[in-house]
Protein backbone atom coordinates (compact mmCIF):
# COMPACT_ATOMS: atom_id res chain seq x y z
CA UNK A 1 -22.59 5.07 -11.14
CA UNK A 2 -23.03 1.44 -10.12
CA UNK A 3 -19.52 0.33 -9.23
CA UNK A 4 -18.19 -3.01 -8.01
CA UNK A 5 -14.96 -3.16 -6.01
CA UNK A 6 -13.41 -6.63 -5.89
CA UNK A 7 -10.87 -7.01 -3.09
CA UNK A 8 -8.40 -9.79 -2.24
CA UNK A 9 -9.58 -12.13 0.51
CA UNK A 10 -6.37 -12.58 2.49
CA UNK A 11 -7.23 -9.51 4.59
CA UNK A 12 -10.45 -7.76 5.59
CA UNK A 13 -11.38 -4.36 4.13
CA UNK A 14 -10.07 -2.36 5.85
CA UNK A 15 -7.40 -4.54 7.48
CA UNK A 16 -7.21 -4.53 11.24
CA UNK A 17 -3.55 -3.45 11.14
CA UNK A 18 -1.14 -4.15 8.26
CA UNK A 19 -2.43 -4.41 4.70
CA UNK A 20 -1.85 -1.69 2.12
CA UNK A 21 -4.02 -2.95 -0.74
CA UNK A 22 -7.08 -3.58 1.42
CA UNK A 23 -6.66 -0.21 3.13
CA UNK A 24 -6.65 1.60 -0.21
CA UNK A 25 -9.70 -0.40 -1.40
CA UNK A 26 -11.50 0.72 1.76
CA UNK A 27 -10.67 4.42 1.28
CA UNK A 28 -11.79 4.21 -2.35
CA UNK A 29 -15.00 2.33 -1.57
CA UNK A 30 -16.13 4.56 1.28
CA UNK A 31 -15.25 7.71 -0.64
CA UNK A 32 -17.35 6.60 -3.62
CA UNK A 33 -20.30 5.83 -1.32
CA UNK A 34 -20.02 9.31 0.24
CA UNK A 35 -20.18 10.81 -3.24
CA UNK A 36 -23.51 9.05 -3.82
CA UNK A 37 -22.40 6.17 -6.04
CA UNK A 38 -24.00 2.74 -5.69
CA UNK A 39 -21.06 0.59 -4.64
CA UNK A 40 -20.86 -3.17 -4.12
CA UNK A 41 -17.80 -4.49 -2.31
CA UNK A 42 -16.74 -8.11 -2.76
CA UNK A 43 -14.65 -8.84 0.33
CA UNK A 44 -14.50 -10.97 3.46
CA UNK A 45 -17.52 -10.96 5.79
CA UNK A 46 -15.51 -9.34 8.61
CA UNK A 47 -15.00 -6.24 6.43
CA UNK A 48 -16.57 -2.94 7.51
CA UNK A 49 -18.18 -0.80 4.83
CA UNK A 50 -21.14 1.41 3.99
CA UNK A 51 -21.28 -0.24 0.56
CA UNK A 52 -23.30 -3.34 -0.25
CA UNK A 53 -21.05 -6.18 0.97
CA UNK A 54 -20.96 -9.54 -0.79
CA UNK A 55 -18.73 -11.96 1.10
CA UNK A 56 -17.19 -15.06 -0.54
CA UNK A 57 -15.82 -16.18 2.85
CA UNK A 58 -16.47 -15.49 6.52
CA UNK A 59 -13.21 -13.85 7.56
CA UNK A 60 -9.80 -12.76 6.39
CA UNK A 61 -8.09 -15.91 5.17
CA UNK A 62 -4.99 -15.37 7.28
CA UNK A 63 -7.17 -15.54 10.42
CA UNK A 64 -8.80 -18.87 9.52
CA UNK A 65 -6.84 -21.80 10.97
CA UNK A 66 -8.50 -24.08 8.43
CA UNK A 67 -7.17 -22.00 5.53
CA UNK A 68 -4.60 -23.79 3.38
CA UNK A 69 -5.12 -22.36 -0.11
CA UNK A 70 -6.35 -19.01 -1.35
CA UNK A 71 -7.43 -20.10 -4.84
CA UNK A 72 -10.76 -21.84 -3.97
CA UNK A 73 -11.97 -18.71 -2.17
CA UNK A 74 -10.85 -16.35 -4.93
CA UNK A 75 -12.57 -18.51 -7.56
CA UNK A 76 -15.80 -18.43 -5.59
CA UNK A 77 -15.45 -14.65 -5.38
CA UNK A 78 -15.23 -14.49 -9.19
CA UNK A 79 -18.37 -16.62 -9.54
CA UNK A 80 -20.24 -14.17 -7.33
CA UNK A 81 -18.95 -11.17 -9.29
CA UNK A 82 -19.89 -12.62 -12.69
CA UNK A 83 -23.25 -14.04 -11.58
CA UNK A 84 -25.13 -11.04 -13.01
CA UNK A 85 -23.06 -8.29 -14.61
CA UNK A 86 -26.13 -6.18 -15.32
CA UNK A 87 -25.89 -4.84 -11.76
CA UNK A 88 -22.74 -2.83 -12.53
CA UNK A 89 -21.68 -0.03 -14.84
CA UNK A 90 -18.03 -0.84 -14.15
CA UNK A 91 -16.12 -3.46 -12.14
CA UNK A 92 -12.83 -2.56 -10.47
CA UNK A 93 -10.61 -5.53 -9.66
CA UNK A 94 -7.80 -5.48 -7.08
CA UNK A 95 -7.13 -9.21 -7.41
CA UNK A 96 -4.12 -9.37 -9.74
CA UNK A 97 -5.18 -11.37 -12.84
CA UNK A 98 -7.44 -14.26 -11.76
CA UNK A 99 -10.40 -12.46 -13.37
CA UNK A 100 -8.88 -12.30 -16.88
CA UNK A 101 -10.36 -15.58 -18.22
CA UNK A 102 -13.80 -14.65 -16.83
CA UNK A 103 -13.64 -11.21 -18.46
CA UNK A 104 -12.71 -12.63 -21.84
CA UNK A 105 -15.80 -14.84 -21.80
CA UNK A 106 -18.16 -12.29 -20.21
CA UNK A 107 -17.02 -8.88 -21.44
CA UNK A 108 -17.99 -5.84 -19.38
CA UNK A 109 -16.61 -2.43 -18.44
CA UNK A 110 -13.71 -3.29 -16.16
CA UNK A 111 -10.38 -2.10 -14.83
CA UNK A 112 -7.69 -3.86 -12.81
CA UNK A 113 -5.30 -2.06 -10.48
CA UNK A 114 -2.00 -3.90 -10.20
CA UNK A 115 -0.97 -3.42 -6.58
CA UNK A 116 2.19 -5.50 -6.48
CA UNK A 117 5.60 -5.73 -8.07
CA UNK A 118 5.39 -6.98 -11.67
CA UNK A 119 7.89 -9.74 -12.45
CA UNK A 120 8.33 -9.59 -16.22
CA UNK A 121 9.30 -13.24 -16.91
CA UNK A 122 6.03 -14.36 -15.32
CA UNK A 123 3.68 -11.58 -16.36
CA UNK A 124 4.84 -10.48 -19.81
CA UNK A 125 3.44 -13.61 -21.53
CA UNK A 126 0.21 -13.31 -19.55
CA UNK A 127 -0.27 -9.63 -20.44
CA UNK A 128 0.44 -10.46 -24.07
CA UNK A 129 -2.19 -13.21 -24.02
CA UNK A 130 -4.76 -10.91 -22.37
CA UNK A 131 -3.69 -7.76 -24.18
CA UNK A 132 -7.24 -6.38 -24.15
CA UNK A 133 -7.40 -6.17 -20.33
CA UNK A 134 -7.23 -2.52 -19.17
CA UNK A 135 -4.82 -1.91 -16.30
CA UNK A 136 -4.01 0.79 -13.75
CA UNK A 137 -0.52 1.27 -12.31
CA UNK A 138 0.05 2.81 -8.87
CA UNK A 139 3.31 4.47 -9.93
CA UNK A 140 5.05 5.11 -13.22
CA UNK A 141 8.00 2.99 -12.11
CA UNK A 142 5.72 -0.01 -11.61
CA UNK A 143 5.18 -0.18 -15.38
CA UNK A 144 8.87 -0.37 -16.20
CA UNK A 145 9.14 -4.17 -16.33
CA UNK A 146 6.08 -4.57 -18.60
CA UNK A 147 5.78 -1.23 -20.45
CA UNK A 148 3.67 -2.59 -23.31
CA UNK A 149 0.79 -3.83 -21.18
CA UNK A 150 -2.61 -2.16 -21.68
CA UNK A 151 -2.04 0.67 -19.19
CA UNK A 152 -4.90 3.18 -19.01
CA UNK A 153 -3.62 5.46 -16.23
CA UNK A 154 -1.37 5.77 -13.21
CA UNK A 155 -3.35 6.52 -10.06
CA UNK A 156 -1.37 7.23 -6.92
CA UNK A 157 -2.75 5.98 -3.62
CA UNK A 158 -4.41 8.47 -1.31
CA UNK A 159 -5.45 8.76 2.34
CA UNK A 160 -8.47 10.54 3.87
CA UNK A 161 -7.35 14.00 4.91
CA UNK A 162 -8.56 13.54 8.49
CA UNK A 163 -6.91 10.14 8.98
CA UNK A 164 -3.69 11.64 10.36
CA UNK A 165 -2.96 15.03 11.86
CA UNK A 166 0.04 17.29 11.57
CA UNK A 167 2.49 16.83 14.46
CA UNK A 168 4.37 20.12 14.62
CA UNK A 169 7.21 18.97 16.86
CA UNK A 170 9.77 16.38 15.81
CA UNK A 171 10.45 13.54 18.22
CA UNK A 172 13.84 12.12 19.15
CA UNK A 173 13.59 8.74 17.45
CA UNK A 174 13.54 7.32 13.94
CA UNK A 175 10.67 5.06 12.83
CA UNK A 176 10.45 1.92 10.70
CA UNK A 177 6.98 0.67 9.78
CA UNK A 178 6.19 -2.24 7.48
CA UNK A 179 6.50 -5.97 7.30
CA UNK A 180 9.65 -7.83 8.22
CA UNK A 181 11.06 -9.32 5.03
CA UNK A 182 14.43 -9.30 3.26
CA UNK A 183 13.41 -6.61 0.77
CA UNK A 184 12.26 -4.16 3.47
CA UNK A 185 15.79 -4.13 4.97
CA UNK A 186 15.17 -3.53 8.65
CA UNK A 187 18.88 -4.30 9.07
CA UNK A 188 19.68 -1.08 7.20
CA UNK A 189 17.37 0.91 9.46
CA UNK A 190 19.13 -0.48 12.54
CA UNK A 191 22.54 0.45 11.11
CA UNK A 192 21.37 3.98 10.25
CA UNK A 193 19.99 4.57 13.73
CA UNK A 194 23.18 3.26 15.35
CA UNK A 195 25.46 5.46 13.24
CA UNK A 196 23.21 8.50 13.68
CA UNK A 197 23.13 7.96 17.44
CA UNK A 198 19.34 7.86 17.59
CA UNK A 199 16.73 5.47 18.94
CA UNK A 200 14.77 3.41 16.38
CA UNK A 201 11.16 2.34 16.92
CA UNK A 202 10.13 -0.65 14.80
CA UNK A 203 6.46 -1.35 14.07
CA UNK A 204 6.30 -4.43 11.90
CA UNK A 205 4.25 -7.45 10.91
CA UNK A 206 5.76 -10.91 10.56
CA UNK A 207 4.02 -13.16 8.04
CA UNK A 208 4.28 -16.90 8.59
CA UNK A 209 6.11 -17.43 5.30
CA UNK A 210 8.80 -15.01 6.51
CA UNK A 211 9.05 -16.26 10.09
CA UNK A 212 12.21 -18.27 9.40
CA UNK A 213 13.92 -15.14 8.09
CA UNK A 214 12.67 -13.17 11.10
CA UNK A 215 13.96 -15.69 13.63
CA UNK A 216 17.24 -16.32 11.80
CA UNK A 217 18.20 -12.74 10.86
CA UNK A 218 16.10 -10.24 12.76
CA UNK A 219 15.71 -11.67 16.28
CA UNK A 220 19.50 -11.81 16.84
CA UNK A 221 19.84 -8.33 15.32
CA UNK A 222 17.22 -6.88 17.65
CA UNK A 223 18.89 -8.61 20.59
CA UNK A 224 22.24 -7.05 19.73
CA UNK A 225 20.62 -3.65 19.22
CA UNK A 226 18.27 -3.52 22.21
CA UNK A 227 19.97 -0.45 23.67
CA UNK A 228 18.75 1.71 20.76
CA UNK A 229 16.02 -0.34 19.03
CA UNK A 230 12.48 -0.77 20.38
CA UNK A 231 10.25 -3.37 18.69
CA UNK A 232 6.60 -2.36 19.18
CA UNK A 233 4.90 -4.92 16.87
CA UNK A 234 1.99 -4.06 14.60
CA UNK A 235 0.23 -0.73 15.07
CA UNK A 236 -2.87 0.83 13.58
CA UNK A 237 -5.21 3.78 14.06
CA UNK A 238 -4.17 6.24 16.76
CA UNK A 239 -1.09 4.20 17.64
CA UNK A 240 0.19 4.53 14.09
CA UNK A 241 -0.54 8.26 14.07
CA UNK A 242 1.44 8.72 17.28
CA UNK A 243 4.34 6.53 16.16
CA UNK A 244 4.76 8.27 12.80
CA UNK A 245 3.79 11.75 13.93
CA UNK A 246 6.20 11.85 16.85
CA UNK A 247 9.12 10.43 14.87
CA UNK A 248 12.07 12.58 13.82
CA UNK A 249 11.93 10.86 10.42
CA UNK A 250 10.63 7.68 8.79
CA UNK A 251 13.24 5.27 7.46
CA UNK A 252 12.23 3.43 4.28
CA UNK A 253 15.44 1.55 3.35
CA UNK A 254 13.94 -0.86 0.82
CA UNK A 255 15.94 -3.18 -1.42
CA UNK A 256 13.30 -3.86 -4.10
CA UNK A 257 11.18 -2.05 -6.68
CA UNK A 258 8.42 -0.92 -4.30
CA UNK A 259 5.37 -0.15 -6.48
CA UNK A 260 4.15 2.63 -4.16
CA UNK A 261 4.88 2.49 -0.42
CA UNK A 262 1.80 3.68 1.48
CA UNK A 263 3.73 4.34 4.69
CA UNK A 264 5.62 7.17 2.99
CA UNK A 265 2.48 9.23 2.50
CA UNK A 266 1.19 8.23 5.94
CA UNK A 267 4.33 9.82 7.37
CA UNK A 268 3.92 12.92 5.21
CA UNK A 269 0.31 13.26 6.42
CA UNK A 270 1.73 13.50 9.94
CA UNK A 271 4.30 16.06 8.82
CA UNK A 272 7.15 13.58 9.23
CA UNK A 273 9.93 13.61 6.60
CA UNK A 274 11.00 10.39 4.87
CA UNK A 275 14.49 9.02 4.26
CA UNK A 276 14.12 6.38 1.55
CA UNK A 277 16.27 4.32 -0.81
CA UNK A 278 16.40 5.17 -4.51
CA UNK A 279 14.29 2.18 -5.57
CA UNK A 280 10.96 1.68 -7.30
CA UNK A 281 8.46 4.48 -6.76
CA UNK A 282 10.50 6.31 -4.11
CA UNK A 283 11.78 9.15 -6.37
CA UNK A 284 8.18 9.76 -7.50
CA UNK A 285 6.76 9.97 -3.98
CA UNK A 286 9.51 11.66 -1.95
CA UNK A 287 10.25 15.23 -3.06
CA UNK A 288 13.98 15.64 -2.51
CA UNK A 289 14.79 18.32 0.05
CA UNK A 290 11.09 19.04 0.65
CA UNK A 291 9.34 15.95 2.06
CA UNK A 292 12.53 14.00 2.70
CA UNK A 293 15.71 12.68 1.13
CA UNK A 294 16.29 9.94 -1.45
CA UNK A 295 19.51 8.04 -0.71
CA UNK A 296 21.58 5.17 -2.04
CA UNK A 297 23.68 4.05 0.92
CA UNK A 298 23.74 3.87 4.70
CA UNK A 299 26.27 6.71 4.82
CA UNK A 300 23.98 8.92 2.71
CA UNK A 301 21.05 8.02 4.95
CA UNK A 302 23.02 8.99 8.08
CA UNK A 303 23.91 12.31 6.43
CA UNK A 304 20.23 12.80 5.60
CA UNK A 305 19.30 12.29 9.26
CA UNK A 306 21.62 15.20 10.02
CA UNK A 307 19.73 17.38 7.52
CA UNK A 308 16.16 16.65 8.64
CA UNK A 309 16.03 19.89 10.61
CA UNK A 310 16.25 21.75 7.27
CA UNK A 311 12.79 20.44 6.30
CA UNK A 312 9.42 21.90 7.27
CA UNK A 313 6.88 19.56 8.82
CA UNK A 314 3.93 21.79 7.80
CA UNK A 315 5.16 21.68 4.19
CA UNK A 316 5.35 17.87 4.36
CA UNK A 317 1.71 17.92 5.40
CA UNK A 318 0.87 20.45 2.68
CA UNK A 319 2.43 18.26 -0.02
CA UNK A 320 0.40 15.31 1.25
CA UNK A 321 -2.83 17.32 0.98
CA UNK A 322 -1.94 18.52 -2.53
CA UNK A 323 -0.97 15.15 -3.99
CA UNK A 324 -2.14 12.25 -1.82
CA UNK A 325 -5.53 13.21 -0.39
CA UNK A 326 -7.88 10.28 -1.11
CA UNK A 327 -10.35 12.65 -2.83
CA UNK A 328 -7.77 13.13 -5.58
CA UNK A 329 -7.32 9.36 -5.93
CA UNK A 330 -11.10 8.90 -6.13
CA UNK A 331 -11.48 11.63 -8.76
CA UNK A 332 -8.79 10.00 -10.88
CA UNK A 333 -10.48 6.61 -10.67
CA UNK A 334 -13.85 8.12 -11.54
CA UNK A 335 -12.36 9.57 -14.73
CA UNK A 336 -11.25 6.05 -15.67
CA UNK A 337 -14.63 4.55 -14.78
CA UNK A 338 -16.52 7.08 -16.88
CA UNK A 339 -14.33 6.56 -19.90
CA UNK A 340 -14.80 2.78 -19.65
CA UNK A 341 -18.55 2.99 -19.14
CA UNK A 342 -18.88 5.37 -22.09
């Protein structure tokens, strides 16, 4: 098939470090190329791909000091996509909804994966206006706020099987990996580690729009907790594999409706169990008592730390291979593509 993948421009594909959406777009794009499909990727020029790359801008927007607005770049990306639709059998958008007006005026086989949280007061009227637009959810829970949108399938994220390896032995620290923001609740992770009597390693990105929160709430917290908390900054590649793989467990103490949570399956791929809050997609991703524990309080999380030894790291890895291998994700998307193209 001739497939276009349209990525956001804030990050490169794949991202250098943090960036879940762009990472998934990369795994999908490269996997489709390996299967022999003719793939065109619309992404920043600093992206790395075996697909045909069409770049609306030179680099990831967050890296450009002249960047002030994202909309001009995204609009130019749409112009490039819709310049000649005859090149594609299907177009897969990962850019929220900016493409909807273009699609209404230039119909083609298309699908949009919604990667973020869906805020019903904002999106319900939009989805009603563009009711014909076919959508993919990344978890069943993600649909809950707008259940009547034109959902075609739920496709869970996946990772290449060889991206992470099984770490048989559990380390002596807990891990937190993500961005520092109020909804990710690093403060909960610190409290859990303190009460469990374990060291916590924090690998996190700080976005500029959340720097005030970081400096006001997190810097003092890390200062108070320096005897048991180690802040290692952003990690990627082998560093991420070592951090997650050598952890006793991953803490995922979110306070929002997380649509998927890529780090949970990254931990499972390493054989590391997950202790996560009962929010959003968590109960779909974490298999209670098998790949981790789903909790609702700090006390429950501390109790779960005490039960991690009951879980098998090889089985965590096995569940990842069965459910979250990127080949499964790619197969599921191909089914959608073929039905649209037909």
